[in-house]
Amino acid sequence: MADNLAIGSAIAQLRRAMHMTQQALAAHLYVSHQAVSKWEHGVALPDIMTLYSMCRLFGITMEQLITNDISDRLGVMYAKAVI
């Protein structure tokens, strides 16, 4: 079973690493900012197609998001932001 809080935390970390607001992520995914907030707080999870689109946007696999294996990607994202 998926850990909603861990997945939500990963979504929030990836979103922040891309310097995006919840509203900006919502616009990219064609959902409401309230939906993004629910995901990030572990109240709900995105549907499979939204999850797929989000992972493509973040440059990770769905497996990486679900297993919270995002540290390498976050490192790359933050390194690019510094350059």
Protein backbone atom coordinates (compact mmCIF):
# COMPACT_ATOMS: atom_id res chain seq x y z
CA MET A 1 0.00 0.00 0.00
CA ALA A 2 1.26 3.46 -0.87
CA ASP A 3 2.28 5.82 1.91
CA ASN A 4 0.24 8.93 1.12
CA LEU A 5 2.32 11.16 3.40
CA ALA A 6 5.63 10.06 1.89
CA ILE A 7 4.34 10.51 -1.66
CA GLY A 8 2.89 13.90 -0.75
CA SER A 9 6.16 14.98 0.80
CA ALA A 10 8.04 13.91 -2.33
CA ILE A 11 5.63 15.85 -4.55
CA ALA A 12 6.11 18.97 -2.41
CA GLN A 13 9.91 18.64 -2.44
CA LEU A 14 10.05 18.16 -6.20
CA ARG A 15 7.65 21.04 -6.80
CA ARG A 16 9.73 23.36 -4.63
CA ALA A 17 12.95 22.24 -6.31
CA MET A 18 11.43 23.37 -9.60
CA HIS A 19 10.49 26.72 -7.98
CA MET A 20 6.82 26.10 -8.68
CA THR A 21 3.82 27.12 -6.64
CA GLN A 22 0.97 24.71 -6.04
CA GLN A 23 -1.03 26.78 -8.50
CA ALA A 24 1.65 26.49 -11.19
CA LEU A 25 1.87 22.71 -10.77
CA ALA A 26 -1.92 22.49 -10.85
CA ALA A 27 -2.01 24.45 -14.11
CA HIS A 28 0.57 22.13 -15.71
CA LEU A 29 -1.47 19.10 -14.68
CA TYR A 30 -4.94 20.55 -15.37
CA VAL A 31 -6.10 20.09 -11.79
CA SER A 32 -7.03 22.52 -9.01
CA HIS A 33 -4.49 23.90 -6.56
CA GLN A 34 -6.66 22.33 -3.86
CA ALA A 35 -5.96 18.90 -5.38
CA VAL A 36 -2.21 19.56 -5.22
CA SER A 37 -2.57 20.64 -1.59
CA LYS A 38 -4.44 17.41 -0.77
CA TRP A 39 -1.69 15.33 -2.39
CA GLU A 40 1.05 17.16 -0.53
CA HIS A 41 -0.72 16.74 2.81
CA GLY A 42 -1.35 13.03 2.23
CA VAL A 43 -5.13 13.41 2.13
CA ALA A 44 -5.44 12.08 -1.42
CA LEU A 45 -3.31 10.74 -4.27
CA PRO A 46 -3.32 11.81 -7.92
CA ASP A 47 -4.98 9.52 -10.45
CA ILE A 48 -2.68 7.37 -12.57
CA MET A 49 -2.63 9.65 -15.64
CA THR A 50 -1.93 12.72 -13.53
CA LEU A 51 0.77 10.80 -11.68
CA TYR A 52 2.35 9.86 -15.02
CA SER A 53 2.27 13.47 -16.26
CA MET A 54 3.70 14.73 -12.98
CA CYS A 55 6.57 12.26 -13.07
CA ARG A 56 7.42 13.27 -16.65
CA LEU A 57 7.40 16.93 -15.59
CA PHE A 58 9.72 16.17 -12.65
CA GLY A 59 11.96 13.86 -14.71
CA ILE A 60 11.46 10.81 -12.50
CA THR A 61 9.73 7.46 -12.78
CA MET A 62 6.51 6.61 -11.01
CA GLU A 63 8.43 3.97 -9.09
CA GLN A 64 10.84 6.62 -7.80
CA LEU A 65 7.95 8.78 -6.60
CA ILE A 66 6.06 5.92 -4.96
CA THR A 67 9.16 4.57 -3.21
CA ASN A 68 10.36 8.08 -2.32
CA ASP A 69 13.66 7.48 -4.15
CA ILE A 70 14.06 11.09 -5.26
CA SER A 71 17.24 12.24 -3.52
CA ASP A 72 19.40 11.93 -6.66
CA ARG A 73 16.91 13.89 -8.74
CA LEU A 74 16.56 16.59 -6.08
CA GLY A 75 20.34 16.95 -6.02
CA VAL A 76 20.39 17.50 -9.79
CA MET A 77 17.50 19.95 -9.63
CA TYR A 78 19.08 22.01 -6.87
CA ALA A 79 22.51 21.94 -8.58
CA LYS A 80 20.94 23.35 -11.76
CA ALA A 81 19.26 26.10 -9.74
CA VAL A 82 22.63 27.21 -8.30
CA ILE A 83 24.38 27.44 -11.67
